[in-house]
């Protein structure tokens, strides 16, 4: 009588012997795809004849305009002497008056010259009022300026707003004059 173990060994031997036989009966290998034809180099065109140099061509180039030099400066350098001026607000108001609209319009012209610039409009308040009230008022001021700038043609995705309330006063004094300088929308160029 044949043991179970012997049957398993016999089946394994048969399977191993059948594997090479099956491989020989398999279909022939598929042909390789054709190689693309070599690409001919582009024709060489002769260089145009040299132009005659005129005396006025030898004059030094005019110096770059001051506005153009802004594009070559770092963000820190641009913001240190910013071409964007703050817009000021009346007491307890987020409405741009005529003076504020004039400043914002000038800033829009600068941003149109440098369409790659992105700015943050910071809303600021004077020290009077609660922190919560001033944060809300500062936000309304920043949003009012952004809305006006969008109406003048600046894309909304080039501007973001933030409110600092009374946290970063421009003038530390406790006078009406100082408070009027602290009620502002300040512009910071954040990307170029």
Protein backbone atom coordinates (compact mmCIF):
# COMPACT_ATOMS: atom_id res chain seq x y z
CA UNK A 1 0.00 0.00 0.00
CA UNK A 2 1.28 3.46 -0.89
CA UNK A 3 1.52 5.99 1.88
CA UNK A 4 -0.02 9.37 1.69
CA UNK A 5 3.41 10.91 1.82
CA UNK A 6 4.52 8.91 -1.19
CA UNK A 7 1.51 10.11 -3.20
CA UNK A 8 2.31 13.73 -2.43
CA UNK A 9 5.95 13.27 -3.45
CA UNK A 10 4.91 11.56 -6.68
CA UNK A 11 2.50 14.37 -7.54
CA UNK A 12 5.18 16.97 -6.88
CA UNK A 13 7.63 15.14 -9.18
CA UNK A 14 5.03 14.95 -11.95
CA UNK A 15 4.21 18.64 -11.57
CA UNK A 16 7.88 19.62 -11.78
CA UNK A 17 8.37 17.52 -14.91
CA UNK A 18 5.24 18.97 -16.54
CA UNK A 19 6.23 22.60 -15.94
CA UNK A 20 9.05 22.67 -18.53
CA UNK A 21 6.87 20.82 -21.00
CA UNK A 22 4.14 23.43 -20.62
CA UNK A 23 6.64 26.18 -21.09
CA UNK A 24 7.77 24.68 -24.41
CA UNK A 25 4.20 24.56 -25.64
CA UNK A 26 3.50 28.20 -24.80
CA UNK A 27 2.89 30.71 -27.55
CA UNK A 28 5.91 32.27 -29.28
CA UNK A 29 7.17 35.57 -27.78
CA UNK A 30 5.55 38.71 -29.06
CA UNK A 31 7.65 40.80 -31.44
CA UNK A 32 9.10 44.04 -30.04
CA UNK A 33 7.36 47.24 -31.13
CA UNK A 34 9.10 48.99 -34.01
CA UNK A 35 11.67 51.62 -33.04
CA UNK A 36 10.77 55.18 -34.06
CA UNK A 37 12.63 56.58 -37.01
CA UNK A 38 15.52 58.88 -36.10
CA UNK A 39 14.62 62.56 -36.12
CA UNK A 40 16.55 64.72 -38.50
CA UNK A 41 18.25 67.75 -36.88
CA UNK A 42 16.60 71.10 -37.62
CA UNK A 43 18.08 72.99 -40.53
CA UNK A 44 20.70 75.55 -39.64
CA UNK A 45 19.84 79.05 -40.74
CA UNK A 46 22.67 81.45 -41.36
CA UNK A 47 22.98 84.42 -39.02
CA UNK A 48 21.77 87.73 -40.43
CA UNK A 49 24.49 90.08 -41.60
CA UNK A 50 25.87 92.35 -38.89
CA UNK A 51 24.08 95.66 -38.63
CA UNK A 52 26.04 98.81 -39.03
CA UNK A 53 26.74 100.47 -35.70
CA UNK A 54 25.77 104.11 -35.54
CA UNK A 55 27.46 106.60 -33.23
CA UNK A 56 24.22 107.14 -31.28
CA UNK A 57 24.12 103.38 -30.60
CA UNK A 58 27.32 103.75 -28.59
CA UNK A 59 25.72 106.19 -26.13
CA UNK A 60 25.25 104.73 -22.64
CA UNK A 61 21.75 103.55 -21.85
CA UNK A 62 19.57 105.84 -19.79
CA UNK A 63 19.51 104.93 -16.12
CA UNK A 64 16.53 102.87 -15.02
CA UNK A 65 13.59 104.79 -13.62
CA UNK A 66 13.26 104.90 -9.86
CA UNK A 67 10.01 102.89 -10.01
CA UNK A 68 11.74 100.10 -11.89
CA UNK A 69 14.36 99.79 -9.16
CA UNK A 70 11.60 98.70 -6.76
CA UNK A 71 11.27 95.41 -8.61
CA UNK A 72 14.90 94.52 -7.83
CA UNK A 73 14.71 95.23 -4.10
CA UNK A 74 13.86 92.77 -1.33
CA UNK A 75 10.50 92.91 0.41
CA UNK A 76 12.13 94.33 3.53
CA UNK A 77 13.76 97.11 1.52
CA UNK A 78 10.54 97.93 -0.32
CA UNK A 79 8.48 98.00 2.88
CA UNK A 80 11.09 100.06 4.75
CA UNK A 81 10.58 102.94 2.31
CA UNK A 82 7.19 101.85 1.01
CA UNK A 83 5.65 103.44 -2.06
CA UNK A 84 2.26 102.58 -0.48
CA UNK A 85 0.99 105.19 1.95
CA UNK A 86 -1.44 104.63 4.84
CA UNK A 87 -5.05 105.76 4.55
CA UNK A 88 -6.45 107.49 7.64
CA UNK A 89 -9.97 107.30 9.04
CA UNK A 90 -12.21 109.64 11.04
CA UNK A 91 -12.95 108.77 14.67
CA UNK A 92 -15.11 105.65 15.16
CA UNK A 93 -15.54 105.16 11.38
CA UNK A 94 -14.64 102.65 8.71
CA UNK A 95 -15.67 104.98 5.88
CA UNK A 96 -12.96 106.33 3.58
CA UNK A 97 -13.22 110.09 3.29
CA UNK A 98 -12.00 112.02 0.24
CA UNK A 99 -8.42 112.12 1.54
CA UNK A 100 -8.43 108.39 2.24
CA UNK A 101 -9.82 107.56 -1.20
CA UNK A 102 -7.12 109.71 -2.80
CA UNK A 103 -4.36 107.83 -0.94
CA UNK A 104 -5.85 104.45 -1.80
CA UNK A 105 -6.21 105.48 -5.47
CA UNK A 106 -2.50 106.37 -5.54
CA UNK A 107 -1.65 103.01 -3.99
CA UNK A 108 -3.75 101.28 -6.65
CA UNK A 109 -1.69 102.96 -9.38
CA UNK A 110 1.50 101.60 -7.79
CA UNK A 111 0.02 98.10 -7.56
CA UNK A 112 -0.99 98.27 -11.22
CA UNK A 113 2.67 98.97 -12.11
CA UNK A 114 3.71 95.88 -10.13
CA UNK A 115 1.01 93.29 -10.84
CA UNK A 116 2.97 90.53 -9.11
CA UNK A 117 2.86 92.26 -5.72
CA UNK A 118 0.55 90.93 -3.03
CA UNK A 119 -0.35 93.19 -0.10
CA UNK A 120 -1.75 92.85 3.38
CA UNK A 121 -4.05 95.67 4.44
CA UNK A 122 -3.76 96.16 8.19
CA UNK A 123 -6.64 97.84 10.02
CA UNK A 124 -5.56 99.95 13.03
CA UNK A 125 -7.39 102.00 15.67
CA UNK A 126 -6.49 104.49 18.38
CA UNK A 127 -6.20 103.37 22.00
CA UNK A 128 -9.71 104.35 23.02
CA UNK A 129 -12.38 101.64 23.15
CA UNK A 130 -12.20 97.99 24.18
CA UNK A 131 -9.86 95.53 22.53
CA UNK A 132 -12.80 93.63 21.01
CA UNK A 133 -14.40 96.80 19.63
CA UNK A 134 -11.13 98.01 18.13
CA UNK A 135 -10.38 94.64 16.53
CA UNK A 136 -13.79 94.69 14.85
CA UNK A 137 -13.37 98.33 13.76
CA UNK A 138 -9.88 97.62 12.41
CA UNK A 139 -11.26 94.71 10.38
CA UNK A 140 -14.03 96.90 8.93
CA UNK A 141 -11.42 99.50 7.96
CA UNK A 142 -9.19 96.95 6.21
CA UNK A 143 -12.16 95.42 4.38
CA UNK A 144 -13.42 98.87 3.31
CA UNK A 145 -10.04 99.66 1.76
CA UNK A 146 -9.86 96.27 0.03
CA UNK A 147 -13.38 96.74 -1.37
CA UNK A 148 -12.47 100.16 -2.72
CA UNK A 149 -9.27 98.81 -4.30
CA UNK A 150 -11.22 96.00 -5.98
CA UNK A 151 -13.59 98.62 -7.42
CA UNK A 152 -10.52 100.36 -8.89
CA UNK A 153 -9.31 97.20 -10.63
CA UNK A 154 -7.06 95.31 -8.21
CA UNK A 155 -7.81 91.58 -8.07
CA UNK A 156 -9.10 90.48 -4.65
CA UNK A 157 -6.64 87.57 -4.52
CA UNK A 158 -3.75 90.05 -4.43
CA UNK A 159 -4.90 91.43 -1.08
CA UNK A 160 -5.56 90.05 2.36
CA UNK A 161 -6.82 91.88 5.42
CA UNK A 162 -5.93 91.73 9.08
CA UNK A 163 -6.96 93.80 12.08
CA UNK A 164 -4.57 94.80 14.83
CA UNK A 165 -7.04 97.04 16.62
CA UNK A 166 -5.11 99.27 19.00
CA UNK A 167 -2.15 96.88 19.43
CA UNK A 168 0.40 98.57 17.14
CA UNK A 169 0.00 102.37 17.36
CA UNK A 170 1.95 104.48 14.92
CA UNK A 171 2.20 107.27 17.49
CA UNK A 172 2.55 106.35 21.19
CA UNK A 173 1.37 109.74 22.50
CA UNK A 174 -2.03 110.13 24.15
CA UNK A 175 -3.24 113.16 22.22
CA UNK A 176 -5.90 113.80 19.58
CA UNK A 177 -3.17 114.28 16.98
CA UNK A 178 -1.52 110.96 17.85
CA UNK A 179 -4.87 109.15 17.89
CA UNK A 180 -5.70 110.49 14.42
CA UNK A 181 -2.43 109.03 13.06
CA UNK A 182 -3.24 105.65 14.63
CA UNK A 183 -6.67 105.34 12.94
CA UNK A 184 -5.39 103.94 9.66
CA UNK A 185 -5.17 101.22 7.06
CA UNK A 186 -1.51 100.31 6.65
CA UNK A 187 -0.18 98.47 3.58
CA UNK A 188 2.52 95.79 3.73
CA UNK A 189 3.82 94.14 0.55
CA UNK A 190 3.94 90.44 1.40
CA UNK A 191 4.93 88.88 -1.94
CA UNK A 192 6.43 90.02 -5.21
